[in-house]
Structure formats: structure tokens, C-alpha cells
Amino acid sequence: MISGGIGGMGAQPLAVTMCDGVFLGADVDPARIEKRIQTKYCDLLERNLDKAIDRALDAKKKGRRSRSGWSPTFSISTRASSSAT
């Protein structure tokens, strides 16, 4: 299963694991993926998209469960602009 976003609760990777599947979730906020790793809903955070796809395809080929997250390498700033006049 490929998902655009890990989600607020992280249920997608857990559900796929319960079905012995392979999950690859993409999220622009790596903190969401890291939180899922801490709660054991996701196994790893990959920064390289090609490696993330290869890992998922390899797990599928070998019949293994896999829960990976991919996040691009750029940073996201959540600070509001203070340039209001």
C-alpha cells in the first residue's frame, strides 16, 4: 500500500501489517514518521525515494511485512512570519 501522508493516528501502517502487507507512506513532515517509529507503527524513515521504493518492492517479493516512511530532504518551517505591519 502506498499512502500520501502517514496520518494523524498512524493507523494505515498498522492495518497493512495486520494483513501481512507492505506499506510505504510519504509525508512532507518527517516528525510524523518519526512518531510512528517511536510508537512501533512504522519501521524506518527513508530520505531517498528510490531506496524506499526498492525496499518496499524487495519486501513484497520476499513475502515480508514492511512499514516504511519516506520524507523529502528539505525542511519545513512552521514558524509564522513576523513581518506583519
C-alpha atoms as a PDB file:
ATOM      1  CA  MET A   1       0.000   0.000   0.000  1.00  0.00           C
ATOM      2  CA  ILE A   2       1.265   3.478  -0.827  1.00  0.00           C
ATOM      3  CA  SER A   3      -0.130   6.373   1.150  1.00  0.00           C
ATOM      4  CA  GLY A   4       0.252  10.111   0.718  1.00  0.00           C
ATOM      5  CA  GLY A   5       0.706  11.006   4.361  1.00  0.00           C
ATOM      6  CA  ILE A   6       1.231   8.905   7.449  1.00  0.00           C
ATOM      7  CA  GLY A   7      -1.853  10.359   9.068  1.00  0.00           C
ATOM      8  CA  GLY A   8      -2.522  11.776  12.484  1.00  0.00           C
ATOM      9  CA  MET A   9      -3.090   8.422  14.155  1.00  0.00           C
ATOM     10  CA  GLY A  10      -0.821   6.223  12.043  1.00  0.00           C
ATOM     11  CA  ALA A  11      -3.446   3.546  11.510  1.00  0.00           C
ATOM     12  CA  GLN A  12      -2.526   2.810   7.882  1.00  0.00           C
ATOM     13  CA  PRO A  13       0.848   1.140   8.582  1.00  0.00           C
ATOM     14  CA  LEU A  14      -0.676  -0.862  11.435  1.00  0.00           C
ATOM     15  CA  ALA A  15      -3.587  -2.072   9.312  1.00  0.00           C
ATOM     16  CA  VAL A  16      -1.279  -3.144   6.486  1.00  0.00           C
ATOM     17  CA  THR A  17       0.937  -5.019   8.949  1.00  0.00           C
ATOM     18  CA  MET A  18      -2.074  -6.853  10.349  1.00  0.00           C
ATOM     19  CA  CYS A  19      -2.739  -8.083   6.788  1.00  0.00           C
ATOM     20  CA  ASP A  20       0.917  -9.145   6.261  1.00  0.00           C
ATOM     21  CA  GLY A  21       1.361  -6.395   3.695  1.00  0.00           C
ATOM     22  CA  VAL A  22       3.908  -3.807   2.646  1.00  0.00           C
ATOM     23  CA  PHE A  23       3.363  -0.139   3.480  1.00  0.00           C
ATOM     24  CA  LEU A  24       5.173   2.898   2.101  1.00  0.00           C
ATOM     25  CA  GLY A  25       3.913   6.217   3.419  1.00  0.00           C
ATOM     26  CA  ALA A  26       5.124   9.549   2.103  1.00  0.00           C
ATOM     27  CA  ASP A  27       4.908  12.587   4.345  1.00  0.00           C
ATOM     28  CA  VAL A  28       6.417  16.058   3.990  1.00  0.00           C
ATOM     29  CA  ASP A  29       6.793  16.211   7.777  1.00  0.00           C
ATOM     30  CA  PRO A  30       9.437  13.694   8.899  1.00  0.00           C
ATOM     31  CA  ALA A  31       8.358  14.204  12.515  1.00  0.00           C
ATOM     32  CA  ARG A  32       5.117  12.340  11.749  1.00  0.00           C
ATOM     33  CA  ILE A  33       7.081   9.335  10.511  1.00  0.00           C
ATOM     34  CA  GLU A  34       9.483   9.514  13.457  1.00  0.00           C
ATOM     35  CA  LYS A  35       6.499   9.495  15.826  1.00  0.00           C
ATOM     36  CA  ARG A  36       5.167   6.343  14.130  1.00  0.00           C
ATOM     37  CA  ILE A  37       8.587   4.715  14.545  1.00  0.00           C
ATOM     38  CA  GLN A  38       8.579   5.532  18.267  1.00  0.00           C
ATOM     39  CA  THR A  39       5.103   4.027  18.673  1.00  0.00           C
ATOM     40  CA  LYS A  40       6.148   0.925  16.660  1.00  0.00           C
ATOM     41  CA  TYR A  41       3.636   1.608  13.868  1.00  0.00           C
ATOM     42  CA  CYS A  42       6.401   2.199  11.328  1.00  0.00           C
ATOM     43  CA  ASP A  43       9.830   0.598  10.995  1.00  0.00           C
ATOM     44  CA  LEU A  44      12.006   3.269   9.409  1.00  0.00           C
ATOM     45  CA  LEU A  45      12.262   6.685   7.821  1.00  0.00           C
ATOM     46  CA  GLU A  46      13.916   6.759   4.424  1.00  0.00           C
ATOM     47  CA  ARG A  47      15.084  10.032   2.842  1.00  0.00           C
ATOM     48  CA  ASN A  48      15.870   8.567  -0.583  1.00  0.00           C
ATOM     49  CA  LEU A  49      12.729   7.800  -2.613  1.00  0.00           C
ATOM     50  CA  ASP A  50      14.410   5.210  -4.845  1.00  0.00           C
ATOM     51  CA  LYS A  51      15.674   3.313  -1.793  1.00  0.00           C
ATOM     52  CA  ALA A  52      12.245   3.481  -0.165  1.00  0.00           C
ATOM     53  CA  ILE A  53      10.584   2.035  -3.267  1.00  0.00           C
ATOM     54  CA  ASP A  54      13.273  -0.649  -3.654  1.00  0.00           C
ATOM     55  CA  ARG A  55      12.851  -1.649  -0.003  1.00  0.00           C
ATOM     56  CA  ALA A  56       9.078  -1.969  -0.393  1.00  0.00           C
ATOM     57  CA  LEU A  57       9.368  -3.996  -3.611  1.00  0.00           C
ATOM     58  CA  ASP A  58      12.000  -6.261  -2.053  1.00  0.00           C
ATOM     59  CA  ALA A  59       9.786  -6.926   0.970  1.00  0.00           C
ATOM     60  CA  LYS A  60       6.863  -7.733  -1.319  1.00  0.00           C
ATOM     61  CA  LYS A  61       8.994 -10.077  -3.407  1.00  0.00           C
ATOM     62  CA  LYS A  62      10.216 -11.901  -0.281  1.00  0.00           C
ATOM     63  CA  GLY A  63       6.759 -12.007   1.307  1.00  0.00           C
ATOM     64  CA  ARG A  64       7.830  -9.954   4.349  1.00  0.00           C
ATOM     65  CA  ARG A  65       5.874  -7.353   6.242  1.00  0.00           C
ATOM     66  CA  SER A  66       7.310  -3.884   5.857  1.00  0.00           C
ATOM     67  CA  ARG A  67       6.290  -0.462   7.139  1.00  0.00           C
ATOM     68  CA  SER A  68       8.434   2.343   5.774  1.00  0.00           C
ATOM     69  CA  GLY A  69       8.027   6.074   5.601  1.00  0.00           C
ATOM     70  CA  TRP A  70       9.615   8.415   3.093  1.00  0.00           C
ATOM     71  CA  SER A  71      10.101  12.127   3.559  1.00  0.00           C
ATOM     72  CA  PRO A  72      11.917  14.519   1.239  1.00  0.00           C
ATOM     73  CA  THR A  73      15.184  16.002   2.416  1.00  0.00           C
ATOM     74  CA  PHE A  74      14.040  19.603   2.595  1.00  0.00           C
ATOM     75  CA  SER A  75      12.977  21.192   5.877  1.00  0.00           C
ATOM     76  CA  ILE A  76       9.603  22.637   6.638  1.00  0.00           C
ATOM     77  CA  SER A  77       9.340  25.693   8.809  1.00  0.00           C
ATOM     78  CA  THR A  78       6.158  26.004  10.839  1.00  0.00           C
ATOM     79  CA  ARG A  79       7.045  29.436  12.212  1.00  0.00           C
ATOM     80  CA  ALA A  80       4.607  32.159  11.281  1.00  0.00           C
ATOM     81  CA  SER A  81       6.020  35.172   9.544  1.00  0.00           C
ATOM     82  CA  SER A  82       6.553  38.106  11.905  1.00  0.00           C
ATOM     83  CA  SER A  83       6.693  40.696   9.131  1.00  0.00           C
ATOM     84  CA  ALA A  84       3.155  41.990   9.711  1.00  0.00           C
ATOM     85  CA  THR A  85       2.907  45.759   9.542  1.00  0.00           C
END
